[in-house]
Amino acid sequence: MAPTTNRSRPPPGPPRPGPQRRHNRQPRQRPSGPTRRRLRRPAPGRADPVFVLVIGGGKVGYYLTKELIDSGHEVVLMEKDKDRANQIADEIGSIVISHDGCEGKYLAEAGANRADIVAAVTGDDEDNLVICQMAKHHFDVPRTIARVNNPKNEELFKHLGVDELISPTRMILGSIEQDIPVHELLHLAGLGEGELELIEAHLQAGSPAIGKASKDIPVPEGCSLFAVVRDGVATPLRPETVLAEGDKVIAIGKGDCQALLHEQLIGEAAGVGAGAGGG
């Protein structure tokens, strides 16, 4: 019988460490600020998505934001009225900030330093100008758009470098002017105490004034032709200026001379459009 060999077992080593519980694990912190809507892939034929910061949650800002979202752009909307901001947030999500866009720190929180466009569309022209100035000069935003409620402020906005102006007044006026027949005299303004009127005549085909020098156009007593708008440029009307189709002739005269002026410039029945827009 073969002898039994005693194999010695190695001494037991230290116990293997089991999985350790992380008692001090901190919960993941979400970044502060508005939650930005995830971009959709733009539809064929549409521009690449951009980040637009909209200031002003009135009707203009609200519908602008919705359209931008539907077009696949990234948007943050700022509205200083808390109740209005909450109302919009309930409809379109947490992309709304309830802060004053005229304050630089809140523009920074909204991401103005990476915005492609800042659109200031509040109902206050002064606020819109301040917002666009800060966006352009403090955050280097490539494109600024401002709503201009008072047309008298348009030149100031342009002079101070706002890239694009949106004027509801101009839009409505342009729509109205499209409905004014071109064969009418257009009353522009009353001068003095209403004794004189500033009038515009748009020369269309058939006008007896086309091809004539202004000195050869008989005008009634108490009336004078003093300017012409051609290709969007207004110039003084000199005696040798030959009028062409499409010109807009600016005249000044008494109200009772409009019928004859209409006949000489428009060429239709006298008085058809006399004083259009006046009263």
Protein backbone atom coordinates (compact mmCIF):
# COMPACT_ATOMS: atom_id res chain seq x y z
CA MET A 1 0.00 0.00 0.00
CA ALA A 2 1.47 3.31 -1.12
CA PRO A 3 2.28 5.73 1.59
CA THR A 4 -0.06 8.67 1.97
CA THR A 5 1.52 12.00 1.12
CA ASN A 6 0.50 14.84 3.42
CA ARG A 7 0.10 18.02 1.36
CA SER A 8 0.28 21.07 3.48
CA ARG A 9 -2.21 23.83 2.63
CA PRO A 10 -0.92 27.37 2.46
CA PRO A 11 -1.88 29.52 5.36
CA PRO A 12 -5.01 31.51 4.73
CA GLY A 13 -4.29 34.99 3.42
CA PRO A 14 -6.07 38.21 4.34
CA PRO A 15 -9.72 38.34 3.36
CA ARG A 16 -10.48 39.82 -0.02
CA PRO A 17 -12.01 43.24 0.22
CA GLY A 18 -15.67 43.27 -0.68
CA PRO A 19 -17.52 46.08 -2.42
CA GLN A 20 -17.35 49.20 -0.38
CA ARG A 21 -20.36 51.44 0.08
CA ARG A 22 -19.87 55.07 -0.74
CA HIS A 23 -21.23 56.81 2.27
CA ASN A 24 -20.03 60.26 1.26
CA ARG A 25 -21.24 60.33 -2.35
CA GLN A 26 -22.70 63.72 -3.21
CA PRO A 27 -25.80 64.01 -5.39
CA ARG A 28 -25.20 65.38 -8.89
CA GLN A 29 -25.89 69.07 -9.06
CA ARG A 30 -27.85 70.51 -11.95
CA PRO A 31 -26.48 73.67 -13.52
CA SER A 32 -28.30 76.82 -12.54
CA GLY A 33 -30.16 78.97 -15.04
CA PRO A 34 -32.91 78.22 -17.53
CA THR A 35 -33.26 74.84 -19.11
CA ARG A 36 -32.59 75.29 -22.80
CA ARG A 37 -34.84 73.51 -25.21
CA ARG A 38 -33.05 70.70 -27.04
CA LEU A 39 -32.65 71.54 -30.69
CA ARG A 40 -34.54 69.71 -33.35
CA ARG A 41 -32.96 68.88 -36.64
CA PRO A 42 -33.87 71.76 -38.97
CA ALA A 43 -36.32 70.98 -41.73
CA PRO A 44 -34.94 70.78 -45.29
CA GLY A 45 -34.43 74.23 -46.72
CA ARG A 46 -34.23 75.93 -43.32
CA ALA A 47 -31.19 77.65 -41.89
CA ASP A 48 -28.91 76.02 -39.33
CA PRO A 49 -30.14 76.46 -35.75
CA VAL A 50 -28.92 79.46 -33.79
CA PHE A 51 -29.21 80.60 -30.18
CA VAL A 52 -31.60 83.54 -29.83
CA LEU A 53 -32.10 85.51 -26.63
CA VAL A 54 -35.52 87.20 -26.69
CA ILE A 55 -36.17 90.05 -24.25
CA GLY A 56 -39.82 90.89 -23.63
CA GLY A 57 -42.63 88.43 -23.05
CA GLY A 58 -45.51 90.38 -24.54
CA LYS A 59 -47.42 89.11 -27.54
CA VAL A 60 -44.52 89.84 -29.90
CA GLY A 61 -41.94 88.07 -27.74
CA TYR A 62 -44.26 85.17 -26.94
CA TYR A 63 -45.13 84.33 -30.54
CA LEU A 64 -41.58 84.99 -31.72
CA THR A 65 -40.28 82.50 -29.17
CA LYS A 66 -42.81 79.86 -30.18
CA GLU A 67 -41.97 80.25 -33.87
CA LEU A 68 -38.24 80.03 -33.18
CA ILE A 69 -38.72 76.85 -31.16
CA ASP A 70 -40.86 75.30 -33.88
CA SER A 71 -38.12 76.16 -36.40
CA GLY A 72 -35.55 74.23 -34.37
CA HIS A 73 -33.64 77.12 -32.83
CA GLU A 74 -32.38 77.39 -29.26
CA VAL A 75 -34.20 80.11 -27.36
CA VAL A 76 -34.24 81.77 -23.96
CA LEU A 77 -36.97 84.31 -23.19
CA MET A 78 -36.59 87.02 -20.55
CA GLU A 79 -39.65 88.73 -19.07
CA LYS A 80 -39.36 90.93 -15.98
CA ASP A 81 -42.99 90.52 -14.92
CA LYS A 82 -42.96 87.37 -12.79
CA ASP A 83 -46.61 86.47 -13.29
CA ARG A 84 -46.33 86.82 -17.06
CA ALA A 85 -43.09 84.82 -17.07
CA ASN A 86 -44.74 81.99 -15.13
CA GLN A 87 -47.70 82.01 -17.49
CA ILE A 88 -45.43 81.63 -20.51
CA ALA A 89 -43.31 78.98 -18.79
CA ASP A 90 -46.44 76.90 -18.15
CA GLU A 91 -47.03 76.82 -21.91
CA ILE A 92 -43.60 76.51 -23.49
CA GLY A 93 -41.40 75.13 -20.71
CA SER A 94 -38.58 76.29 -18.49
CA ILE A 95 -36.79 78.45 -21.05
CA VAL A 96 -38.22 81.58 -19.44
CA ILE A 97 -36.28 83.81 -17.03
CA SER A 98 -38.12 86.29 -14.84
CA HIS A 99 -35.57 89.10 -14.75
CA ASP A 100 -35.02 92.57 -16.16
CA GLY A 101 -33.12 92.34 -19.44
CA CYS A 102 -31.72 95.85 -18.92
CA GLU A 103 -29.37 94.49 -16.25
CA GLY A 104 -26.13 93.01 -17.51
CA LYS A 105 -25.84 90.32 -14.84
CA TYR A 106 -29.16 88.81 -15.89
CA LEU A 107 -28.21 88.94 -19.56
CA ALA A 108 -25.06 87.05 -18.62
CA GLU A 109 -27.08 84.43 -16.71
CA ALA A 110 -29.28 83.98 -19.77
CA GLY A 111 -26.24 83.24 -21.93
CA ALA A 112 -25.82 86.51 -23.81
CA ASN A 113 -22.09 85.87 -24.16
CA ARG A 114 -22.80 82.98 -26.54
CA ALA A 115 -25.98 84.25 -28.19
CA ASP A 116 -26.05 84.55 -31.96
CA ILE A 117 -28.94 87.03 -31.86
CA VAL A 118 -30.47 89.24 -29.18
CA ALA A 119 -33.99 90.45 -29.97
CA ALA A 120 -35.27 93.24 -27.70
CA VAL A 121 -39.02 93.38 -28.28
CA THR A 122 -40.41 95.05 -25.16
CA GLY A 123 -42.97 97.82 -25.37
CA ASP A 124 -40.42 100.40 -24.21
CA ASP A 125 -38.05 101.88 -26.81
CA GLU A 126 -35.54 103.03 -24.19
CA ASP A 127 -35.29 99.53 -22.72
CA ASN A 128 -34.87 98.00 -26.17
CA LEU A 129 -32.04 100.39 -27.00
CA VAL A 130 -30.23 99.75 -23.71
CA ILE A 131 -30.52 95.98 -24.17
CA CYS A 132 -29.12 96.08 -27.70
CA GLN A 133 -26.27 98.36 -26.64
CA MET A 134 -25.23 95.99 -23.85
CA ALA A 135 -25.58 92.94 -26.08
CA LYS A 136 -23.41 94.50 -28.79
CA HIS A 137 -20.71 96.19 -26.71
CA HIS A 138 -20.49 94.05 -23.56
CA PHE A 139 -21.27 90.58 -24.88
CA ASP A 140 -20.14 90.91 -28.53
CA VAL A 141 -23.44 89.57 -29.86
CA PRO A 142 -23.13 89.43 -33.67
CA ARG A 143 -26.67 90.57 -34.44
CA THR A 144 -29.10 92.74 -32.49
CA ILE A 145 -32.76 93.30 -33.34
CA ALA A 146 -34.91 95.97 -31.69
CA ARG A 147 -38.60 96.70 -31.72
CA VAL A 148 -39.14 100.44 -32.27
CA ASN A 149 -42.56 101.59 -31.15
CA ASN A 150 -42.08 105.28 -31.98
CA PRO A 151 -40.90 105.85 -35.58
CA LYS A 152 -39.15 109.05 -34.44
CA ASN A 153 -36.60 106.87 -32.61
CA GLU A 154 -35.54 104.90 -35.68
CA GLU A 155 -32.64 107.19 -36.67
CA LEU A 156 -31.24 107.11 -33.14
CA PHE A 157 -31.33 103.31 -33.08
CA LYS A 158 -29.55 103.14 -36.43
CA HIS A 159 -26.96 105.71 -35.36
CA LEU A 160 -26.15 103.70 -32.23
CA GLY A 161 -25.54 100.52 -34.19
CA VAL A 162 -28.66 98.40 -33.76
CA ASP A 163 -28.47 95.94 -36.65
CA GLU A 164 -32.15 95.57 -37.48
CA LEU A 165 -35.28 97.53 -36.55
CA ILE A 166 -38.82 96.19 -36.34
CA SER A 167 -41.40 98.97 -36.43
CA PRO A 168 -45.05 97.90 -36.04
CA THR A 169 -46.09 101.44 -36.98
CA ARG A 170 -44.13 101.29 -40.24
CA MET A 171 -45.55 97.87 -41.07
CA ILE A 172 -49.13 99.01 -40.59
CA LEU A 173 -48.49 102.23 -42.51
CA GLY A 174 -46.95 100.29 -45.38
CA SER A 175 -49.96 98.00 -45.51
CA ILE A 176 -52.32 100.98 -45.59
CA GLU A 177 -50.32 102.72 -48.32
CA GLN A 178 -50.57 99.63 -50.51
CA ASP A 179 -54.35 100.06 -50.46
CA ILE A 180 -54.24 103.74 -51.49
CA PRO A 181 -54.84 103.98 -55.24
CA VAL A 182 -51.79 105.36 -57.04
CA HIS A 183 -54.01 107.66 -59.10
CA GLU A 184 -54.82 109.74 -56.03
CA LEU A 185 -53.10 112.76 -54.58
CA LEU A 186 -51.80 111.82 -51.15
CA HIS A 187 -52.15 114.38 -48.38
CA LEU A 188 -48.95 114.31 -46.32
CA ALA A 189 -49.40 117.13 -43.82
CA GLY A 190 -51.11 120.41 -43.08
CA LEU A 191 -48.89 123.44 -42.61
CA GLY A 192 -49.44 126.57 -40.59
CA GLU A 193 -53.05 126.74 -39.48
CA GLY A 194 -54.20 124.49 -42.30
CA GLU A 195 -53.90 127.13 -45.00
CA LEU A 196 -51.28 125.12 -46.90
CA GLU A 197 -51.03 121.39 -47.53
CA LEU A 198 -48.11 119.13 -48.36
CA ILE A 199 -49.15 116.79 -51.19
CA GLU A 200 -47.59 113.83 -53.01
CA ALA A 201 -48.46 112.78 -56.56
CA HIS A 202 -47.29 109.42 -57.89
CA LEU A 203 -46.75 109.66 -61.66
CA GLN A 204 -48.05 106.58 -63.45
CA ALA A 205 -48.45 105.71 -67.13
CA GLY A 206 -50.81 108.21 -68.71
CA SER A 207 -49.74 111.13 -66.55
CA PRO A 208 -49.49 114.31 -68.67
CA ALA A 209 -46.43 115.36 -66.63
CA ILE A 210 -44.22 112.46 -67.79
CA GLY A 211 -41.47 113.63 -70.13
CA LYS A 212 -41.93 117.29 -69.27
CA ALA A 213 -39.55 119.59 -67.46
CA SER A 214 -41.06 120.85 -64.25
CA LYS A 215 -40.95 124.45 -65.57
CA ASP A 216 -43.30 123.41 -68.39
CA ILE A 217 -45.99 122.02 -66.12
CA PRO A 218 -48.73 124.58 -65.50
CA VAL A 219 -49.56 124.65 -61.82
CA PRO A 220 -52.35 126.67 -60.22
CA GLU A 221 -51.64 129.93 -58.47
CA GLY A 222 -50.67 129.45 -54.86
CA CYS A 223 -49.08 126.05 -55.53
CA SER A 224 -45.49 125.00 -56.25
CA LEU A 225 -43.62 121.79 -57.04
CA PHE A 226 -40.48 121.61 -54.94
CA ALA A 227 -39.18 118.01 -54.70
CA VAL A 228 -39.15 114.68 -56.51
CA VAL A 229 -38.59 111.21 -55.08
CA ARG A 230 -36.94 108.92 -57.63
CA ASP A 231 -35.71 105.40 -56.79
CA GLY A 232 -36.20 106.18 -53.12
CA VAL A 233 -34.02 109.31 -53.19
CA ALA A 234 -35.55 112.74 -52.64
CA THR A 235 -34.00 115.73 -54.46
CA PRO A 236 -35.04 119.34 -54.99
CA LEU A 237 -37.13 119.77 -58.12
CA ARG A 238 -35.25 122.16 -60.43
CA PRO A 239 -36.89 123.93 -63.39
CA GLU A 240 -35.03 121.74 -65.89
CA THR A 241 -35.78 118.43 -64.13
CA VAL A 242 -37.61 116.12 -66.54
CA LEU A 243 -40.21 113.95 -64.82
CA ALA A 244 -40.44 110.22 -65.44
CA GLU A 245 -42.89 107.42 -64.81
CA GLY A 246 -42.70 106.25 -61.21
CA ASP A 247 -41.58 109.62 -59.84
CA LYS A 248 -43.26 110.97 -56.74
CA VAL A 249 -43.69 114.71 -56.97
CA ILE A 250 -44.00 116.67 -53.74
CA ALA A 251 -46.02 119.87 -53.93
CA ILE A 252 -47.19 122.51 -51.52
CA GLY A 253 -50.25 124.65 -52.00
CA LYS A 254 -53.63 125.82 -50.85
CA GLY A 255 -56.40 123.30 -50.50
CA ASP A 256 -58.49 124.81 -53.28
CA CYS A 257 -55.75 124.25 -55.90
CA GLN A 258 -55.70 120.46 -55.56
CA ALA A 259 -58.24 119.79 -58.30
CA LEU A 260 -56.15 121.51 -60.99
CA LEU A 261 -52.94 120.02 -59.60
CA HIS A 262 -54.53 116.59 -59.82
CA GLU A 263 -55.39 117.21 -63.47
CA GLN A 264 -51.83 118.29 -64.37
CA LEU A 265 -49.98 115.51 -62.54
CA ILE A 266 -52.38 112.55 -62.48
CA GLY A 267 -54.34 113.26 -65.62
CA GLU A 268 -57.71 111.91 -64.58
CA ALA A 269 -60.94 113.66 -63.68
CA ALA A 270 -60.17 116.65 -61.52
CA GLY A 271 -60.89 116.17 -57.84
CA VAL A 272 -61.03 112.34 -57.85
CA GLY A 273 -58.39 112.07 -55.17
CA ALA A 274 -58.10 115.60 -53.94
CA GLY A 275 -57.18 115.76 -50.28
CA ALA A 276 -56.86 111.99 -49.92
CA GLY A 277 -56.08 111.14 -46.35
CA GLY A 278 -56.87 114.62 -45.06
CA GLY A 279 -59.39 115.73 -42.47
